[in-house]
Protein backbone atom coordinates (compact mmCIF):
# COMPACT_ATOMS: atom_id res chain seq x y z
CA MET A 1 -7.49 17.62 6.43
CA SER A 2 -6.25 19.56 9.46
CA ILE A 3 -7.43 18.72 12.97
CA THR A 4 -9.02 21.63 14.85
CA VAL A 5 -10.19 19.77 17.99
CA GLN A 6 -8.01 17.06 19.56
CA VAL A 7 -9.15 15.42 22.81
CA GLU A 8 -7.25 12.72 24.73
CA ASN A 9 -8.53 10.92 27.86
CA LEU A 10 -10.55 13.93 28.98
CA THR A 11 -12.23 13.48 32.38
CA ARG A 12 -14.28 15.72 34.63
CA LYS A 13 -15.39 14.74 38.11
CA PHE A 14 -17.65 16.56 40.56
CA GLY A 15 -16.80 14.99 43.90
CA ARG A 16 -17.46 11.27 43.50
CA PHE A 17 -19.56 11.77 40.37
CA THR A 18 -17.80 11.38 37.01
CA ALA A 19 -19.61 13.56 34.47
CA VAL A 20 -17.13 12.92 31.63
CA ASP A 21 -15.22 9.66 31.73
CA ASP A 22 -11.91 9.35 29.82
CA ILE A 23 -13.09 10.39 26.36
CA SER A 24 -10.92 10.79 23.24
CA PHE A 25 -11.80 12.06 19.75
CA SER A 26 -10.72 14.52 17.06
CA VAL A 27 -12.60 16.87 14.74
CA SER A 28 -11.40 18.13 11.35
CA LYS A 29 -11.62 21.59 9.80
CA GLY A 30 -14.97 22.17 8.10
CA GLU A 31 -16.58 19.14 9.72
CA ILE A 32 -20.00 19.11 11.40
CA PHE A 33 -19.36 16.90 14.41
CA GLY A 34 -22.29 15.85 16.58
CA PHE A 35 -22.38 14.83 20.23
CA LEU A 36 -25.55 12.77 20.66
CA GLY A 37 -26.85 11.73 24.04
CA ALA A 38 -29.68 11.98 26.52
CA ASN A 39 -29.79 14.81 29.04
CA GLY A 40 -27.11 14.17 31.65
CA ALA A 41 -24.88 12.15 29.32
CA GLY A 42 -21.98 14.59 29.68
CA LYS A 43 -22.37 16.60 26.49
CA THR A 44 -22.61 20.06 28.03
CA THR A 45 -19.79 19.38 30.51
CA THR A 46 -17.56 18.36 27.59
CA ILE A 47 -18.36 21.43 25.54
CA ARG A 48 -17.78 23.71 28.54
CA MET A 49 -14.32 22.21 29.02
CA LEU A 50 -13.46 22.64 25.35
CA CYS A 51 -14.57 26.28 25.44
CA GLY A 52 -12.39 27.02 28.45
CA LEU A 53 -15.35 27.54 30.79
CA LEU A 54 -14.59 24.53 32.98
CA MET A 55 -11.25 22.93 33.85
CA PRO A 56 -10.90 19.15 33.36
CA THR A 57 -10.00 16.84 36.20
CA SER A 58 -7.52 15.10 33.89
CA GLY A 59 -6.75 14.55 30.22
CA LYS A 60 -5.68 16.79 27.34
CA ALA A 61 -7.38 18.90 24.68
CA MET A 62 -6.15 21.20 21.92
CA ILE A 63 -8.57 23.70 20.36
CA ALA A 64 -7.41 25.39 17.14
CA GLY A 65 -3.87 24.49 18.17
CA HIS A 66 -4.22 25.93 21.69
CA ASP A 67 -3.94 24.01 24.96
CA ILE A 68 -7.09 24.33 27.10
CA TYR A 69 -4.97 24.57 30.27
CA THR A 70 -2.65 27.37 29.23
CA HIS A 71 -4.25 29.29 26.33
CA SER A 72 -7.83 30.01 27.39
CA PHE A 73 -7.71 33.59 26.02
CA GLU A 74 -6.53 32.44 22.58
CA ILE A 75 -9.20 29.72 22.54
CA LYS A 76 -11.97 32.20 23.33
CA GLN A 77 -10.81 34.37 20.42
CA ALA A 78 -10.81 31.40 18.06
CA ILE A 79 -14.24 29.99 18.91
CA GLY A 80 -17.90 30.93 18.82
CA TYR A 81 -20.20 29.55 21.50
CA MET A 82 -23.98 29.30 21.63
CA SER A 83 -25.42 27.92 24.86
CA GLN A 84 -28.57 25.84 25.17
CA LYS A 85 -30.28 28.61 27.12
CA PHE A 86 -31.06 31.86 25.30
CA SER A 87 -28.45 34.26 26.67
CA LEU A 88 -28.95 37.47 24.71
CA TYR A 89 -30.30 40.74 26.09
CA GLU A 90 -34.09 40.71 25.72
CA GLU A 91 -34.55 44.49 26.16
CA MET A 92 -32.01 45.37 23.47
CA THR A 93 -32.76 45.43 19.76
CA VAL A 94 -31.55 42.70 17.43
CA TYR A 95 -28.83 45.00 16.06
CA GLU A 96 -27.75 46.19 19.51
CA ASN A 97 -27.17 42.57 20.54
CA LEU A 98 -25.03 42.03 17.45
CA GLU A 99 -23.00 45.15 18.16
CA PHE A 100 -22.50 44.19 21.79
CA TYR A 101 -21.19 40.69 21.00
CA CYS A 102 -18.94 41.95 18.21
CA GLY A 103 -17.49 44.42 20.71
CA ILE A 104 -16.68 41.61 23.16
CA TYR A 105 -14.16 40.27 20.66
CA GLY A 106 -12.27 43.57 20.57
CA LYS A 107 -13.40 44.87 17.19
CA GLY A 108 -13.18 48.63 16.64
CA ASP A 109 -16.28 50.70 15.87
CA LYS A 110 -15.81 50.61 12.10
CA GLU A 111 -15.01 46.89 12.06
CA THR A 112 -17.96 46.15 14.38
CA LYS A 113 -20.45 47.97 12.15
CA SER A 114 -19.15 46.16 9.07
CA ALA A 115 -19.30 42.74 10.78
CA CYS A 116 -22.83 43.40 12.07
CA ARG A 117 -24.13 44.44 8.66
CA GLU A 118 -22.54 41.41 7.03
CA VAL A 119 -23.85 38.80 9.49
CA ALA A 120 -27.32 40.39 9.65
CA ALA A 121 -27.58 40.14 5.87
CA GLU A 122 -26.28 36.57 5.77
CA MET A 123 -28.67 35.43 8.50
CA GLY A 124 -31.74 37.24 7.17
CA LEU A 125 -32.05 39.63 10.12
CA LEU A 126 -31.99 43.00 8.36
CA ASP A 127 -35.78 43.32 8.28
CA ILE A 128 -35.99 42.91 12.07
CA LYS A 129 -32.77 44.63 13.13
CA ASN A 130 -34.59 47.37 15.06
CA LYS A 131 -37.06 45.07 16.84
CA ILE A 132 -36.75 44.47 20.58
CA THR A 133 -35.32 40.97 21.03
CA ARG A 134 -38.00 39.74 23.47
CA GLU A 135 -40.67 40.50 20.85
CA ILE A 136 -39.33 38.24 18.10
CA PRO A 137 -40.30 34.53 17.71
CA ALA A 138 -38.18 31.74 19.23
CA GLY A 139 -36.84 30.65 15.84
CA LEU A 140 -35.54 34.14 15.10
CA LYS A 141 -34.04 34.40 18.59
CA GLN A 142 -32.06 31.22 17.87
CA ARG A 143 -30.92 32.70 14.56
CA LEU A 144 -29.86 35.88 16.35
CA ALA A 145 -27.94 33.89 18.97
CA LEU A 146 -26.14 32.03 16.17
CA SER A 147 -25.38 35.34 14.44
CA CYS A 148 -23.79 36.70 17.63
CA ALA A 149 -21.67 33.54 17.91
CA VAL A 150 -20.29 33.77 14.35
CA ALA A 151 -20.03 37.54 13.78
CA HIS A 152 -16.30 37.50 14.56
CA LYS A 153 -15.69 34.65 12.05
CA PRO A 154 -14.55 31.93 14.50
CA GLN A 155 -12.53 28.93 13.38
CA ILE A 156 -14.66 26.61 15.53
CA LEU A 157 -18.33 27.01 16.42
CA PHE A 158 -19.64 25.24 19.53
CA LEU A 159 -23.42 24.81 19.62
CA ASP A 160 -24.89 23.35 22.81
CA GLU A 161 -28.43 22.04 22.17
CA PRO A 162 -29.01 24.97 19.78
CA THR A 163 -32.53 24.11 18.59
CA GLY A 164 -34.26 23.35 21.87
CA GLY A 165 -37.74 24.85 22.11
CA VAL A 166 -38.17 25.79 18.45
CA ASP A 167 -40.57 24.32 15.90
CA PRO A 168 -39.47 21.70 13.31
CA ILE A 169 -39.44 24.18 10.40
CA SER A 170 -37.23 26.61 12.34
CA ARG A 171 -34.96 23.71 13.30
CA ARG A 172 -34.53 22.75 9.65
CA ASP A 173 -33.84 26.38 8.67
CA PHE A 174 -31.27 26.57 11.46
CA TRP A 175 -29.46 23.53 10.10
CA GLU A 176 -29.30 25.12 6.66
CA LEU A 177 -27.38 27.96 8.30
CA ILE A 178 -25.06 25.45 9.99
CA TYR A 179 -24.31 23.82 6.63
CA ALA A 180 -23.48 27.24 5.15
CA ILE A 181 -21.11 28.05 8.03
CA ALA A 182 -19.29 24.71 7.66
CA HIS A 183 -19.10 25.20 3.87
CA GLN A 184 -17.19 28.43 4.52
CA GLY A 185 -14.53 26.40 6.37
CA ALA A 186 -15.53 26.63 10.02
CA THR A 187 -15.64 23.53 12.22
CA VAL A 188 -19.05 23.02 13.83
CA PHE A 189 -19.29 21.05 17.07
CA VAL A 190 -22.93 20.51 18.05
CA THR A 191 -24.55 18.69 20.97
CA THR A 192 -28.09 17.38 20.58
CA HIS A 193 -30.57 14.87 21.90
CA TYR A 194 -32.72 15.06 18.76
CA MET A 195 -32.23 11.86 16.78
CA ASP A 196 -33.24 13.41 13.44
CA GLU A 197 -30.65 16.18 13.87
CA ALA A 198 -27.95 13.59 14.39
CA GLU A 199 -28.53 12.45 10.81
CA TYR A 200 -27.46 15.92 9.58
CA CYS A 201 -23.93 15.62 11.02
CA ASN A 202 -20.89 14.48 9.04
CA ARG A 203 -19.78 12.40 12.02
CA LEU A 204 -21.29 11.47 15.38
CA SER A 205 -20.06 10.59 18.81
CA ILE A 206 -22.72 8.90 20.93
CA MET A 207 -22.42 9.51 24.69
CA HIS A 208 -23.93 7.57 27.57
CA ASN A 209 -23.17 8.09 31.26
CA GLY A 210 -20.17 10.28 30.49
CA ARG A 211 -18.55 7.84 28.06
CA ILE A 212 -18.32 7.68 24.28
CA VAL A 213 -19.94 4.37 23.31
CA ALA A 214 -19.76 4.72 19.51
CA GLU A 215 -18.35 7.05 16.87
CA GLY A 216 -18.67 7.32 13.10
CA SER A 217 -20.73 8.86 10.32
CA PRO A 218 -24.51 8.30 10.54
CA LEU A 219 -24.27 5.84 7.66
CA GLU A 220 -21.35 3.95 9.22
CA LEU A 221 -23.18 3.63 12.54
CA LYS A 222 -26.39 2.40 10.90
CA ASN A 223 -24.44 -0.18 8.88
CA ARG A 224 -22.30 -1.26 11.85
CA TYR A 225 -25.29 -1.99 14.06
CA GLN A 226 -27.65 -2.97 11.21
CA LYS A 227 -30.28 -0.38 12.07
CA GLN A 228 -32.49 1.77 9.86
CA ASN A 229 -31.92 5.07 11.64
CA ILE A 230 -29.84 6.73 14.34
CA GLU A 231 -32.63 6.50 16.90
CA GLN A 232 -32.53 2.70 16.63
CA VAL A 233 -28.73 2.77 16.90
CA PHE A 234 -28.94 4.93 20.01
CA ILE A 235 -31.53 2.72 21.74
CA HIS A 236 -29.50 -0.38 20.92
CA LEU A 237 -26.31 1.10 22.39
CA VAL A 238 -27.97 2.42 25.56
CA ARG A 239 -29.63 -0.95 26.21
CA ARG A 240 -26.33 -2.75 25.60
CA GLU A 241 -24.50 -0.47 28.03
CA SER A 242 -27.20 -0.88 30.65
CA GLU A 243 -27.04 -4.68 30.37
CA MET A 244 -23.24 -4.65 30.61
CA ASN A 245 -23.32 -2.49 33.76
CA SER A 246 -26.20 -4.26 35.49
């Protein structure tokens, strides 16, 4: 299986503070790869570097075969990105938001209209396409944000805390959409601090204080540390790291 994300010794410092500390990992095509960690663990800083939004202090990374230092334009064409804060235009309609984000990726008018119709149908947004975005529920806003991120058919989809602030049913529905996107061949890279969501990933990387402290499938991690669920694994690892650094 081909590698779509390759990271080697990636580090990001802000003055004396090290937000991401010498991390290495790879992600395969079609894989749902989860970054699990508490707020402040370094997840968002990592994803911003991989999306070309923030330059590393040191280390290497290749995204869809492109170097993050020299091919930021090519990377931005190859990826979809959904931030943890809702970033769409509240006063525009659902469909206008879709058209705007399709246009960002350089699609012509005819291609934009076709892509918008297709993603709106796939994501179940046709019935609300003319509604003002600020008037729709949080769960549908998240679905719209995801639709805008995938309308141009990216090779890699980066989701930064995508289900924050939505109810459990909407979160589960959102993950069904993620499964469908991965099934179509896209790589999905998702950061989360929800322990139950971590169980949905094919493979996990657990972060603590900017470092990767464990990596593997949810089943492998539970077996390795003899725990019943990922929450217990996470607590065990954080306590172990705290004891080692005390």
